[in-house]
Amino acid sequence: MYVGVVHKINDPEAMLSRGERVSNAANAPAGVRPLEFFPATDLTAATCLWESDSVETLRDYIDGTLGDSCENSYFEISSEHALGLPQQEAARA
């Protein structure tokens, strides 16, 4: 499944530093893969796209790594209504 994450960033420096670890696919648990990262220009917010076997697995991984550097909201993406998901782009090629 695809999971969206919205980050409200409290400490940009810490979030970016910790984010390097969390976005490295080699560090992710089985079934979790980072796909996209979209930070705001002022680094007060960001949105990420992940592939994960569950929202809970991803939440545990991200919250455990990013800690208090940001507040995170998670949601399963509706593939039926989404635009631009990797599987959709591959089908267009």
N, C-alpha and C. Protein backbone atom coordinates (compact mmCIF):
# COMPACT_ATOMS: atom_id res chain seq x y z
N MET A 1 0.84 -1.17 0.00
CA MET A 1 0.00 0.00 0.00
C MET A 1 0.89 1.24 0.00
N TYR A 2 0.31 2.35 -0.45
CA TYR A 2 1.01 3.64 -0.38
C TYR A 2 0.51 4.39 0.85
N VAL A 3 1.44 5.07 1.52
CA VAL A 3 1.11 5.83 2.72
C VAL A 3 1.67 7.23 2.57
N GLY A 4 0.83 8.22 2.85
CA GLY A 4 1.28 9.61 2.89
C GLY A 4 1.58 10.01 4.31
N VAL A 5 2.60 10.85 4.46
CA VAL A 5 2.97 11.37 5.77
C VAL A 5 3.10 12.88 5.65
N VAL A 6 2.43 13.58 6.55
CA VAL A 6 2.53 15.04 6.63
C VAL A 6 3.30 15.36 7.90
N HIS A 7 4.40 16.10 7.74
CA HIS A 7 5.26 16.46 8.87
C HIS A 7 5.08 17.94 9.20
N LYS A 8 4.79 18.25 10.44
CA LYS A 8 4.85 19.62 10.95
C LYS A 8 6.19 19.70 11.67
N ILE A 9 7.12 20.44 11.09
CA ILE A 9 8.51 20.41 11.55
C ILE A 9 8.74 21.41 12.68
N ASN A 10 9.25 20.91 13.80
CA ASN A 10 9.58 21.74 14.96
C ASN A 10 11.04 22.16 14.97
N ASP A 11 11.92 21.30 14.49
CA ASP A 11 13.36 21.53 14.50
C ASP A 11 13.92 21.09 13.15
N PRO A 12 13.99 22.02 12.18
CA PRO A 12 14.41 21.64 10.83
C PRO A 12 15.77 20.94 10.76
N GLU A 13 16.73 21.44 11.51
CA GLU A 13 18.07 20.86 11.46
C GLU A 13 18.05 19.40 11.93
N ALA A 14 17.39 19.15 13.05
CA ALA A 14 17.30 17.77 13.57
C ALA A 14 16.48 16.89 12.63
N MET A 15 15.39 17.42 12.11
CA MET A 15 14.55 16.63 11.22
C MET A 15 15.31 16.23 9.96
N LEU A 16 16.04 17.14 9.36
CA LEU A 16 16.79 16.82 8.15
C LEU A 16 17.91 15.83 8.43
N SER A 17 18.58 15.99 9.55
CA SER A 17 19.65 15.07 9.92
C SER A 17 19.10 13.67 10.17
N ARG A 18 18.06 13.58 10.96
CA ARG A 18 17.44 12.28 11.25
C ARG A 18 16.76 11.73 10.00
N GLY A 19 16.24 12.64 9.17
CA GLY A 19 15.57 12.24 7.94
C GLY A 19 16.49 11.52 6.97
N GLU A 20 17.77 11.85 6.99
CA GLU A 20 18.72 11.14 6.14
C GLU A 20 18.75 9.66 6.49
N ARG A 21 18.68 9.36 7.78
CA ARG A 21 18.65 7.95 8.21
C ARG A 21 17.34 7.28 7.82
N VAL A 22 16.23 7.99 8.08
CA VAL A 22 14.92 7.37 7.85
C VAL A 22 14.65 7.18 6.35
N SER A 23 15.21 8.02 5.50
CA SER A 23 14.94 7.92 4.07
C SER A 23 15.87 6.94 3.35
N ASN A 24 16.84 6.38 4.05
CA ASN A 24 17.73 5.39 3.47
C ASN A 24 17.02 4.03 3.51
N ALA A 25 16.68 3.52 2.34
CA ALA A 25 15.92 2.27 2.26
C ALA A 25 16.62 1.11 2.97
N ALA A 26 17.94 1.16 3.07
CA ALA A 26 18.68 0.09 3.74
C ALA A 26 18.38 0.05 5.24
N ASN A 27 17.94 1.17 5.82
CA ASN A 27 17.63 1.23 7.25
C ASN A 27 16.18 0.87 7.55
N ALA A 28 15.34 0.83 6.54
CA ALA A 28 13.90 0.63 6.74
C ALA A 28 13.58 -0.82 7.08
N PRO A 29 12.51 -1.01 7.85
CA PRO A 29 12.06 -2.38 8.13
C PRO A 29 11.58 -3.07 6.84
N ALA A 30 11.51 -4.37 6.89
CA ALA A 30 10.99 -5.13 5.75
C ALA A 30 9.60 -4.63 5.39
N GLY A 31 9.34 -4.46 4.10
CA GLY A 31 8.04 -4.01 3.64
C GLY A 31 7.86 -2.51 3.61
N VAL A 32 8.90 -1.74 3.95
CA VAL A 32 8.82 -0.28 3.98
C VAL A 32 9.84 0.29 2.99
N ARG A 33 9.36 1.21 2.13
CA ARG A 33 10.25 1.80 1.13
C ARG A 33 9.92 3.28 0.94
N PRO A 34 10.91 4.17 1.11
CA PRO A 34 10.67 5.59 0.86
C PRO A 34 10.59 5.85 -0.65
N LEU A 35 9.66 6.73 -1.05
CA LEU A 35 9.49 7.03 -2.47
C LEU A 35 9.70 8.50 -2.81
N GLU A 36 9.11 9.41 -2.03
CA GLU A 36 9.16 10.85 -2.35
C GLU A 36 9.27 11.67 -1.07
N PHE A 37 9.92 12.83 -1.17
CA PHE A 37 10.03 13.77 -0.04
C PHE A 37 9.85 15.17 -0.60
N PHE A 38 8.89 15.92 -0.06
CA PHE A 38 8.56 17.26 -0.54
C PHE A 38 8.56 18.25 0.62
N PRO A 39 9.70 18.89 0.91
CA PRO A 39 9.76 19.87 2.01
C PRO A 39 9.30 21.25 1.54
N ALA A 40 8.71 22.01 2.46
CA ALA A 40 8.37 23.41 2.19
C ALA A 40 9.67 24.22 2.12
N THR A 41 9.66 25.31 1.39
CA THR A 41 10.87 26.12 1.25
C THR A 41 11.36 26.66 2.58
N ASP A 42 10.45 26.91 3.52
CA ASP A 42 10.86 27.43 4.83
C ASP A 42 11.10 26.31 5.85
N LEU A 43 10.98 25.06 5.42
CA LEU A 43 11.22 23.87 6.25
C LEU A 43 10.35 23.80 7.50
N THR A 44 9.14 24.34 7.43
CA THR A 44 8.20 24.20 8.54
C THR A 44 7.27 23.01 8.36
N ALA A 45 7.27 22.46 7.15
CA ALA A 45 6.39 21.33 6.84
C ALA A 45 7.00 20.51 5.71
N ALA A 46 6.54 19.28 5.61
CA ALA A 46 6.96 18.41 4.50
C ALA A 46 5.89 17.33 4.32
N THR A 47 5.86 16.78 3.13
CA THR A 47 4.99 15.66 2.82
C THR A 47 5.84 14.57 2.19
N CYS A 48 5.58 13.33 2.58
CA CYS A 48 6.34 12.19 2.07
C CYS A 48 5.39 11.13 1.53
N LEU A 49 5.89 10.38 0.57
CA LEU A 49 5.18 9.23 0.04
C LEU A 49 6.03 7.99 0.31
N TRP A 50 5.39 6.98 0.88
CA TRP A 50 6.06 5.72 1.22
C TRP A 50 5.25 4.56 0.69
N GLU A 51 5.93 3.44 0.52
CA GLU A 51 5.27 2.17 0.30
C GLU A 51 5.49 1.37 1.58
N SER A 52 4.43 0.79 2.12
CA SER A 52 4.55 0.07 3.39
C SER A 52 3.50 -1.02 3.47
N ASP A 53 3.80 -2.05 4.25
CA ASP A 53 2.82 -3.11 4.44
C ASP A 53 1.70 -2.68 5.37
N SER A 54 1.94 -1.63 6.19
CA SER A 54 0.89 -1.09 7.05
C SER A 54 1.26 0.32 7.50
N VAL A 55 0.24 1.09 7.84
CA VAL A 55 0.46 2.43 8.38
C VAL A 55 1.18 2.33 9.71
N GLU A 56 0.82 1.35 10.53
CA GLU A 56 1.41 1.21 11.86
C GLU A 56 2.90 0.92 11.80
N THR A 57 3.33 0.06 10.88
CA THR A 57 4.75 -0.24 10.73
C THR A 57 5.52 1.02 10.36
N LEU A 58 4.97 1.78 9.42
CA LEU A 58 5.63 3.02 9.00
C LEU A 58 5.66 4.03 10.14
N ARG A 59 4.55 4.18 10.86
CA ARG A 59 4.48 5.12 11.98
C ARG A 59 5.55 4.78 13.03
N ASP A 60 5.66 3.53 13.38
CA ASP A 60 6.67 3.12 14.37
C ASP A 60 8.07 3.48 13.90
N TYR A 61 8.36 3.23 12.64
CA TYR A 61 9.68 3.50 12.07
C TYR A 61 9.99 5.00 12.04
N ILE A 62 9.08 5.79 11.47
CA ILE A 62 9.34 7.23 11.33
C ILE A 62 9.34 7.93 12.68
N ASP A 63 8.32 7.69 13.49
CA ASP A 63 8.26 8.36 14.80
C ASP A 63 9.45 7.97 15.67
N GLY A 64 9.87 6.72 15.58
CA GLY A 64 11.00 6.26 16.36
C GLY A 64 12.32 6.87 15.92
N THR A 65 12.42 7.26 14.65
CA THR A 65 13.66 7.83 14.13
C THR A 65 13.65 9.36 14.21
N LEU A 66 12.55 9.99 13.83
CA LEU A 66 12.52 11.46 13.80
C LEU A 66 12.28 12.07 15.17
N GLY A 67 11.68 11.30 16.08
CA GLY A 67 11.49 11.78 17.45
C GLY A 67 10.71 13.08 17.51
N ASP A 68 11.18 14.00 18.37
CA ASP A 68 10.47 15.26 18.61
C ASP A 68 10.81 16.34 17.60
N SER A 69 11.53 16.02 16.54
CA SER A 69 11.88 17.03 15.54
C SER A 69 10.67 17.47 14.72
N CYS A 70 9.61 16.63 14.73
CA CYS A 70 8.40 16.98 13.98
C CYS A 70 7.21 16.19 14.52
N GLU A 71 6.02 16.69 14.19
CA GLU A 71 4.77 15.99 14.50
C GLU A 71 4.26 15.42 13.18
N ASN A 72 3.88 14.15 13.18
CA ASN A 72 3.56 13.45 11.94
C ASN A 72 2.12 12.96 11.90
N SER A 73 1.51 13.08 10.73
CA SER A 73 0.18 12.53 10.48
C SER A 73 0.32 11.54 9.33
N TYR A 74 -0.37 10.41 9.44
CA TYR A 74 -0.25 9.32 8.47
C TYR A 74 -1.61 8.99 7.88
N PHE A 75 -1.62 8.61 6.59
CA PHE A 75 -2.87 8.17 5.98
C PHE A 75 -2.58 7.21 4.83
N GLU A 76 -3.44 6.20 4.71
CA GLU A 76 -3.35 5.29 3.57
C GLU A 76 -3.88 6.02 2.35
N ILE A 77 -3.17 5.93 1.25
CA ILE A 77 -3.55 6.63 0.02
C ILE A 77 -4.52 5.78 -0.78
N SER A 78 -5.55 6.42 -1.28
CA SER A 78 -6.51 5.76 -2.16
C SER A 78 -5.90 5.67 -3.56
N SER A 79 -5.39 4.51 -3.91
CA SER A 79 -4.79 4.33 -5.24
C SER A 79 -5.80 4.57 -6.35
N GLU A 80 -7.05 4.30 -6.06
CA GLU A 80 -8.11 4.49 -7.05
C GLU A 80 -8.26 5.96 -7.45
N HIS A 81 -8.06 6.87 -6.50
CA HIS A 81 -8.29 8.28 -6.76
C HIS A 81 -7.01 9.11 -6.87
N ALA A 82 -5.88 8.51 -6.61
CA ALA A 82 -4.61 9.24 -6.62
C ALA A 82 -4.15 9.52 -8.06
N LEU A 83 -3.29 10.50 -8.18
CA LEU A 83 -2.69 10.86 -9.46
C LEU A 83 -1.18 10.85 -9.30
N GLY A 84 -0.47 10.12 -10.16
CA GLY A 84 0.98 10.15 -10.17
C GLY A 84 1.69 9.13 -9.30
N LEU A 85 0.98 8.13 -8.79
CA LEU A 85 1.65 7.09 -8.01
C LEU A 85 2.61 6.32 -8.92
N PRO A 86 3.68 5.78 -8.37
CA PRO A 86 4.68 5.08 -9.20
C PRO A 86 4.08 4.01 -10.11
N GLN A 87 3.13 3.23 -9.62
CA GLN A 87 2.54 2.18 -10.47
C GLN A 87 1.78 2.79 -11.64
N GLN A 88 1.17 3.96 -11.43
CA GLN A 88 0.44 4.63 -12.51
C GLN A 88 1.41 5.17 -13.56
N GLU A 89 2.53 5.72 -13.11
CA GLU A 89 3.52 6.26 -14.03
C GLU A 89 4.15 5.13 -14.86
N ALA A 90 4.40 3.99 -14.24
CA ALA A 90 4.97 2.85 -14.96
C ALA A 90 4.01 2.35 -16.03
N ALA A 91 2.72 2.38 -15.74
CA ALA A 91 1.72 1.92 -16.70
C ALA A 91 1.64 2.84 -17.91
N ARG A 92 1.96 4.13 -17.71
CA ARG A 92 1.92 5.10 -18.81
C ARG A 92 3.13 4.98 -19.74
N ALA A 93 4.22 4.42 -19.23
CA ALA A 93 5.47 4.36 -20.02
C ALA A 93 5.39 3.34 -21.14
